[in-house]
């Protein structure tokens, strides 16, 4: 059976590469350079302090909370919703760390200094401490906040450390809440949207390694092994749903590549994805069709292309088979190029968040 799978994989791989010599085939993915960085970060610069349009994701507990959202969460009030404002700040930090002499440096620093000051972040903390806010942005927004914090921690810039100190109480609160949440979460959430457990876990692990949050790291690792290690035959043919921006199957596989060692991961992976042929893997091989990129829900599929691309690259880096590595990288390349081709046709409904997914993908 294993031999059959490998032969099918090889034949398919030869087919999509036009029967070229595999040894000579080099997969060149789009990489983040200064030109691309300037183009993408301009979207985050534009949106992090754009108050409207805005989607409120929390419930009002009483009339005292009937006030403009930018007064309730004055650090992260732009970019359509809270989590997009958070990862919009991550995008700016990431670009400035990688390209410190970029022409947008001063405007990025001014926005970070304004939004990540102690007073504003204390208000964010006070909001999250409320009983009615315990589930707000769980766990997607929490994960991006942790990712932003860890990016600041690892930045060799004086003010970054001040901003990180300002953020720490909120990060610690949400780390603790994640642990408590997992004590009550009997099964993972597996949609292709914000609630997906595996996606958040991957970002949180990246944070935990930088911030040395051992307690959260161990909790996520134990939960993941308990709930995901027995999974087999991921139903790829059910993907994607019409407004997905995450691949449930690839999100899980990428997570397991972080919590298992290489030998265990390779053993697990080929049970989770037994075949890469067109019939079984075709819904991931081919980028999703986006019929209306201006529709904020349907435009999610553009982000799905980026998510597929970076998870495929992450997974490929852990595989023992060079053939399968190149296969996954070739699929990732296709998704990266298609996502970039269409993202600027999505209007503000897409641009307010797609820059983050593009930057994260092209940085790998």
Protein backbone atom coordinates (compact mmCIF):
# COMPACT_ATOMS: atom_id res chain seq x y z
CA UNK A 1 0.00 0.00 0.00
CA UNK A 2 2.82 2.44 0.90
CA UNK A 3 4.53 1.71 -2.42
CA UNK A 4 1.30 2.41 -4.31
CA UNK A 5 0.86 5.74 -2.55
CA UNK A 6 4.43 6.78 -3.33
CA UNK A 7 4.07 5.79 -6.99
CA UNK A 8 0.80 7.73 -7.29
CA UNK A 9 2.40 10.73 -5.66
CA UNK A 10 5.38 10.57 -8.02
CA UNK A 11 3.17 10.27 -11.11
CA UNK A 12 1.01 13.17 -10.02
CA UNK A 13 4.03 15.28 -9.21
CA UNK A 14 5.52 14.61 -12.63
CA UNK A 15 2.21 15.57 -14.20
CA UNK A 16 1.91 18.97 -12.51
CA UNK A 17 5.55 19.79 -13.25
CA UNK A 18 5.20 18.90 -16.92
CA UNK A 19 7.36 15.78 -16.56
CA UNK A 20 10.54 17.73 -15.81
CA UNK A 21 13.49 16.21 -13.99
CA UNK A 22 12.63 16.30 -10.30
CA UNK A 23 16.26 16.64 -9.27
CA UNK A 24 16.59 19.84 -11.30
CA UNK A 25 13.23 21.30 -10.31
CA UNK A 26 13.59 24.28 -7.97
CA UNK A 27 10.49 25.75 -6.39
CA UNK A 28 10.79 29.55 -6.20
CA UNK A 29 8.13 31.00 -3.91
CA UNK A 30 7.46 34.73 -3.74
CA UNK A 31 9.63 36.21 -1.01
CA UNK A 32 9.12 39.39 0.96
CA UNK A 33 11.43 42.08 -0.42
CA UNK A 34 11.42 45.83 0.19
CA UNK A 35 9.08 46.60 -2.71
CA UNK A 36 6.52 44.02 -1.64
CA UNK A 37 6.89 45.01 2.02
CA UNK A 38 6.05 48.65 1.21
CA UNK A 39 3.04 47.64 -0.84
CA UNK A 40 1.60 45.32 1.80
CA UNK A 41 2.30 47.35 4.93
CA UNK A 42 0.60 50.37 3.37
CA UNK A 43 -2.70 48.50 3.88
CA UNK A 44 -2.06 48.04 7.59
CA UNK A 45 -0.88 51.63 7.98
CA UNK A 46 -4.12 52.76 6.40
CA UNK A 47 -6.45 50.68 8.54
CA UNK A 48 -5.09 50.58 12.11
CA UNK A 49 -6.62 53.95 12.96
CA UNK A 50 -9.55 53.86 10.53
CA UNK A 51 -12.54 53.69 12.88
CA UNK A 52 -15.25 52.85 10.36
CA UNK A 53 -16.64 50.64 8.94
CA UNK A 54 -16.43 48.51 12.09
CA UNK A 55 -17.90 45.22 13.29
CA UNK A 56 -18.42 44.97 17.05
CA UNK A 57 -17.80 41.47 18.32
CA UNK A 58 -18.85 41.85 21.95
CA UNK A 59 -22.20 42.14 23.68
CA UNK A 60 -23.24 45.17 25.70
CA UNK A 61 -23.64 44.23 29.35
CA UNK A 62 -25.47 47.44 30.30
CA UNK A 63 -25.94 50.99 29.11
CA UNK A 64 -22.54 52.04 30.49
CA UNK A 65 -20.98 50.21 27.56
CA UNK A 66 -22.96 52.14 24.96
CA UNK A 67 -20.06 54.23 23.77
CA UNK A 68 -17.87 54.34 20.65
CA UNK A 69 -15.75 51.23 20.24
CA UNK A 70 -12.56 53.28 20.07
CA UNK A 71 -13.18 54.42 23.65
CA UNK A 72 -13.64 50.84 24.88
CA UNK A 73 -10.65 49.35 23.04
CA UNK A 74 -8.51 52.40 22.21
CA UNK A 75 -5.44 50.45 21.10
CA UNK A 76 -7.13 48.12 18.63
CA UNK A 77 -10.12 49.95 17.16
CA UNK A 78 -9.42 50.11 13.43
CA UNK A 79 -9.26 47.60 10.57
CA UNK A 80 -12.95 46.60 10.71
CA UNK A 81 -12.70 44.46 13.88
CA UNK A 82 -10.52 43.97 16.97
CA UNK A 83 -8.47 41.01 15.81
CA UNK A 84 -7.66 42.62 12.46
CA UNK A 85 -6.47 45.75 14.26
CA UNK A 86 -4.23 43.57 16.42
CA UNK A 87 -2.62 41.71 13.55
CA UNK A 88 -2.42 44.93 11.56
CA UNK A 89 -0.07 46.14 14.28
CA UNK A 90 1.82 42.85 14.04
CA UNK A 91 2.23 43.43 10.29
CA UNK A 92 3.70 46.89 10.87
CA UNK A 93 6.11 45.60 13.52
CA UNK A 94 7.17 42.67 11.36
CA UNK A 95 7.90 44.86 8.35
CA UNK A 96 9.83 47.42 10.38
CA UNK A 97 11.92 44.69 12.00
CA UNK A 98 12.76 43.13 8.64
CA UNK A 99 13.19 46.45 6.78
CA UNK A 100 14.31 49.01 9.40
CA UNK A 101 15.15 51.69 6.82
CA UNK A 102 11.82 51.49 4.98
CA UNK A 103 10.43 54.91 4.04
CA UNK A 104 7.30 54.25 6.10
CA UNK A 105 9.37 53.91 9.28
CA UNK A 106 8.34 57.19 10.92
CA UNK A 107 4.62 56.79 10.32
CA UNK A 108 4.69 53.20 11.58
CA UNK A 109 6.54 54.22 14.74
CA UNK A 110 4.13 57.08 15.39
CA UNK A 111 1.10 54.78 15.12
CA UNK A 112 2.69 52.16 17.37
CA UNK A 113 3.64 54.79 19.94
CA UNK A 114 0.11 56.18 19.97
CA UNK A 115 -1.83 52.91 20.06
CA UNK A 116 0.44 50.86 22.31
CA UNK A 117 0.85 53.41 25.07
CA UNK A 118 0.21 52.41 28.67
CA UNK A 119 -3.05 54.31 29.08
CA UNK A 120 -4.70 52.75 26.03
CA UNK A 121 -3.54 49.23 26.82
CA UNK A 122 -4.74 49.57 30.41
CA UNK A 123 -8.21 50.31 29.02
CA UNK A 124 -7.96 47.22 26.82
CA UNK A 125 -7.04 45.20 29.91
CA UNK A 126 -9.92 46.62 31.95
CA UNK A 127 -12.34 45.73 29.17
CA UNK A 128 -11.14 42.14 28.94
CA UNK A 129 -11.38 41.73 32.70
CA UNK A 130 -15.16 42.16 32.48
CA UNK A 131 -17.20 38.99 32.90
CA UNK A 132 -19.08 39.56 29.65
CA UNK A 133 -15.80 39.85 27.71
CA UNK A 134 -14.39 36.48 28.76
CA UNK A 135 -15.20 34.91 25.41
CA UNK A 136 -14.46 37.97 23.27
CA UNK A 137 -12.02 37.10 20.45
CA UNK A 138 -11.42 33.62 21.87
CA UNK A 139 -9.04 32.24 20.66
CA UNK A 140 -8.16 33.81 17.29
CA UNK A 141 -7.75 37.38 18.51
CA UNK A 142 -5.95 36.18 21.63
CA UNK A 143 -3.44 34.30 19.50
CA UNK A 144 -2.69 37.32 17.33
CA UNK A 145 -2.24 39.49 20.42
CA UNK A 146 0.31 37.00 21.75
CA UNK A 147 2.02 36.95 18.35
CA UNK A 148 2.25 40.76 18.36
CA UNK A 149 3.66 40.72 21.88
CA UNK A 150 6.31 38.14 21.01
CA UNK A 151 7.30 40.16 17.93
CA UNK A 152 7.89 43.17 20.18
CA UNK A 153 9.85 41.10 22.69
CA UNK A 154 12.26 39.91 20.02
CA UNK A 155 12.76 43.38 18.48
CA UNK A 156 16.03 45.11 19.25
CA UNK A 157 14.44 48.55 19.63
CA UNK A 158 14.08 50.41 22.94
CA UNK A 159 10.46 51.48 22.57
CA UNK A 160 9.43 47.97 21.52
CA UNK A 161 10.30 46.77 25.00
CA UNK A 162 8.22 49.57 26.54
CA UNK A 163 5.26 48.63 24.37
CA UNK A 164 5.73 44.98 25.31
CA UNK A 165 5.66 45.89 29.01
CA UNK A 166 2.44 47.83 28.39
CA UNK A 167 0.91 44.78 26.73
CA UNK A 168 2.06 42.18 29.22
CA UNK A 169 -0.88 42.32 31.68
CA UNK A 170 -3.36 41.66 28.87
CA UNK A 171 -1.20 38.93 27.34
CA UNK A 172 -0.84 37.22 30.72
CA UNK A 173 -4.60 37.42 31.28
CA UNK A 174 -5.36 35.83 27.91
CA UNK A 175 -2.71 33.16 28.37
CA UNK A 176 -4.32 32.20 31.66
CA UNK A 177 -7.77 32.24 30.08
CA UNK A 178 -6.59 29.98 27.27
CA UNK A 179 -5.42 27.41 29.79
CA UNK A 180 -8.73 27.60 31.66
CA UNK A 181 -10.63 27.34 28.38
CA UNK A 182 -8.80 24.18 27.39
CA UNK A 183 -9.71 22.60 30.71
CA UNK A 184 -13.34 22.96 29.65
CA UNK A 185 -13.06 22.36 25.89
CA UNK A 186 -13.92 18.69 25.50
CA UNK A 187 -13.24 18.63 21.74
CA UNK A 188 -11.37 21.02 19.42
CA UNK A 189 -13.19 23.47 17.15
CA UNK A 190 -12.56 22.62 13.50
CA UNK A 191 -14.16 25.25 11.23
CA UNK A 192 -12.33 27.11 8.50
CA UNK A 193 -12.85 30.45 10.23
CA UNK A 194 -11.83 32.31 13.40
CA UNK A 195 -12.78 29.69 15.98
CA UNK A 196 -10.42 27.03 14.59
CA UNK A 197 -8.46 25.66 17.54
CA UNK A 198 -5.43 24.35 15.66
CA UNK A 199 -4.75 27.68 13.91
CA UNK A 200 -4.71 29.65 17.16
CA UNK A 201 -2.53 27.03 18.81
CA UNK A 202 0.15 27.39 16.14
CA UNK A 203 0.43 31.14 16.71
CA UNK A 204 0.35 30.67 20.47
CA UNK A 205 3.20 28.16 20.31
CA UNK A 206 5.28 30.67 18.36
CA UNK A 207 4.55 33.22 21.09
CA UNK A 208 5.22 30.79 23.93
CA UNK A 209 8.66 29.88 22.61
CA UNK A 210 9.73 33.52 22.43
CA UNK A 211 8.09 34.61 25.70
CA UNK A 212 9.07 31.44 27.55
CA UNK A 213 5.44 30.81 28.49
CA UNK A 214 6.10 27.18 29.37
CA UNK A 215 2.78 26.67 31.10
CA UNK A 216 0.77 27.62 28.02
CA UNK A 217 3.10 25.71 25.69
CA UNK A 218 2.76 22.49 27.66
CA UNK A 219 -1.01 22.87 27.92
CA UNK A 220 -1.36 23.30 24.16
CA UNK A 221 1.02 20.45 23.41
CA UNK A 222 -0.75 18.04 25.76
CA UNK A 223 -4.18 19.06 24.47
CA UNK A 224 -3.09 18.71 20.84
CA UNK A 225 -1.57 15.26 21.27
CA UNK A 226 -4.61 14.06 23.17
CA UNK A 227 -7.14 15.39 20.66
CA UNK A 228 -5.38 15.33 17.29
CA UNK A 229 -2.83 12.52 17.29
CA UNK A 230 -5.44 9.85 16.65
CA UNK A 231 -6.92 11.62 13.62
CA UNK A 232 -6.67 9.87 10.25
CA UNK A 233 -7.98 10.46 6.72
CA UNK A 234 -8.70 14.16 7.01
CA UNK A 235 -11.78 14.90 4.83
CA UNK A 236 -10.06 17.19 2.35
CA UNK A 237 -12.89 16.74 -0.15
CA UNK A 238 -15.15 18.70 2.22
CA UNK A 239 -12.92 21.76 1.93
CA UNK A 240 -13.42 24.60 1.50
CA UNK A 241 -16.67 25.96 2.82
CA UNK A 242 -17.73 29.03 0.88
CA UNK A 243 -16.39 31.63 3.32
CA UNK A 244 -13.36 29.80 4.75
CA UNK A 245 -10.07 31.60 5.20
CA UNK A 246 -8.40 28.66 6.93
CA UNK A 247 -7.92 25.04 5.89
CA UNK A 248 -9.01 22.88 8.83
CA UNK A 249 -6.93 19.92 7.63
CA UNK A 250 -3.77 21.92 6.97
CA UNK A 251 -4.16 23.93 10.18
CA UNK A 252 -4.15 20.69 12.14
CA UNK A 253 -1.21 19.26 10.22
CA UNK A 254 0.82 22.44 10.69
CA UNK A 255 0.12 22.37 14.41
CA UNK A 256 1.17 18.74 14.72
CA UNK A 257 4.42 19.56 12.92
CA UNK A 258 5.16 21.86 15.86
CA UNK A 259 4.26 19.51 18.71
CA UNK A 260 5.62 16.20 17.37
CA UNK A 261 9.24 15.41 16.59
CA UNK A 262 10.07 14.75 12.94
CA UNK A 263 9.86 10.97 13.15
CA UNK A 264 6.50 11.03 14.95
CA UNK A 265 5.18 13.71 12.62
CA UNK A 266 6.05 11.81 9.44
CA UNK A 267 4.39 8.71 10.81
CA UNK A 268 1.27 10.68 11.75
CA UNK A 269 1.15 12.77 8.57
CA UNK A 270 0.76 9.90 6.10
CA UNK A 271 -2.16 8.53 8.09
CA UNK A 272 -3.76 11.97 8.16
CA UNK A 273 -3.17 12.49 4.41
CA UNK A 274 -2.93 8.98 2.91
CA UNK A 275 -2.92 10.23 -0.69
CA UNK A 276 -1.97 13.30 -2.69
CA UNK A 277 -3.71 12.34 -5.93
CA UNK A 278 -6.18 14.63 -7.68
CA UNK A 279 -9.22 12.67 -6.55
CA UNK A 280 -8.35 12.81 -2.85
CA UNK A 281 -6.24 15.95 -2.55
CA UNK A 282 -7.63 18.02 -5.43
CA UNK A 283 -9.54 20.48 -3.25
CA UNK A 284 -6.24 21.59 -1.74
CA UNK A 285 -4.17 21.31 -4.92
CA UNK A 286 -6.34 23.87 -6.68
CA UNK A 287 -6.85 27.42 -5.35
CA UNK A 288 -10.49 28.16 -4.47
CA UNK A 289 -12.62 30.04 -6.97
CA UNK A 290 -13.48 33.56 -5.76
CA UNK A 291 -16.51 34.82 -7.70
CA UNK A 292 -16.94 38.09 -5.79
CA UNK A 293 -13.73 39.30 -4.09
CA UNK A 294 -15.48 42.48 -2.94
CA UNK A 295 -17.86 40.48 -0.74
CA UNK A 296 -16.14 40.35 2.69
CA UNK A 297 -17.31 36.77 3.33
CA UNK A 298 -16.55 35.31 -0.09
CA UNK A 299 -13.29 37.27 -0.11
CA UNK A 300 -12.19 35.11 2.82
CA UNK A 301 -11.16 32.57 0.19
CA UNK A 302 -8.26 34.84 -0.78
CA UNK A 303 -6.89 34.49 2.73
CA UNK A 304 -7.39 30.74 2.46
CA UNK A 305 -4.91 30.70 -0.41
CA UNK A 306 -2.28 32.29 1.83
CA UNK A 307 -3.08 30.01 4.74
CA UNK A 308 -2.76 26.95 2.55
CA UNK A 309 0.50 28.26 1.13
CA UNK A 310 2.28 28.86 4.43
CA UNK A 311 1.02 25.69 6.10
CA UNK A 312 2.15 23.63 3.12
CA UNK A 313 5.59 25.23 3.38
CA UNK A 314 5.72 24.55 7.12
CA UNK A 315 4.66 20.94 6.64
CA UNK A 316 7.07 20.39 3.75
CA UNK A 317 10.00 21.47 5.92
CA UNK A 318 9.27 18.56 8.29
CA UNK A 319 8.82 15.77 5.72
CA UNK A 320 11.46 13.13 5.06
CA UNK A 321 10.38 12.58 1.45
CA UNK A 322 11.97 15.04 -0.98
CA UNK A 323 9.36 14.16 -3.59
CA UNK A 324 6.52 15.06 -1.27
CA UNK A 325 8.32 18.21 -0.11
CA UNK A 326 8.55 19.46 -3.68
CA UNK A 327 4.97 18.50 -4.36
CA UNK A 328 3.67 20.53 -1.42
CA UNK A 329 5.93 23.47 -2.24
CA UNK A 330 4.66 23.54 -5.82
CA UNK A 331 1.06 23.69 -4.55
CA UNK A 332 2.03 26.42 -2.07
CA UNK A 333 3.58 28.46 -4.89
CA UNK A 334 0.39 28.24 -6.92
CA UNK A 335 -1.72 29.47 -4.00
CA UNK A 336 0.68 32.29 -3.11
CA UNK A 337 0.66 33.64 -6.64
CA UNK A 338 -3.11 33.41 -7.02
CA UNK A 339 -3.70 35.08 -3.65
CA UNK A 340 -1.41 37.97 -4.51
CA UNK A 341 -2.99 38.33 -7.94
CA UNK A 342 -6.48 38.84 -6.52
CA UNK A 343 -6.06 40.42 -3.07
CA UNK A 344 -6.01 44.03 -4.31
CA UNK A 345 -9.37 43.47 -6.00
CA UNK A 346 -11.08 42.86 -2.66
CA UNK A 347 -11.66 46.45 -1.49
CA UNK A 348 -11.47 47.42 2.17
CA UNK A 349 -13.42 44.28 3.14
CA UNK A 350 -10.35 42.24 2.21
CA UNK A 351 -7.48 44.68 2.38
CA UNK A 352 -8.03 45.42 6.08
CA UNK A 353 -6.71 41.94 6.95
CA UNK A 354 -5.15 40.30 3.91
CA UNK A 355 -1.89 42.23 4.27
CA UNK A 356 -1.20 40.28 7.46
CA UNK A 357 -1.79 36.91 5.84
CA UNK A 358 0.31 37.91 2.83
CA UNK A 359 3.21 39.15 4.99
CA UNK A 360 3.12 36.06 7.18
CA UNK A 361 3.12 33.81 4.10
CA UNK A 362 5.79 35.63 2.11
CA UNK A 363 8.09 35.76 5.15
CA UNK A 364 8.40 31.96 5.11
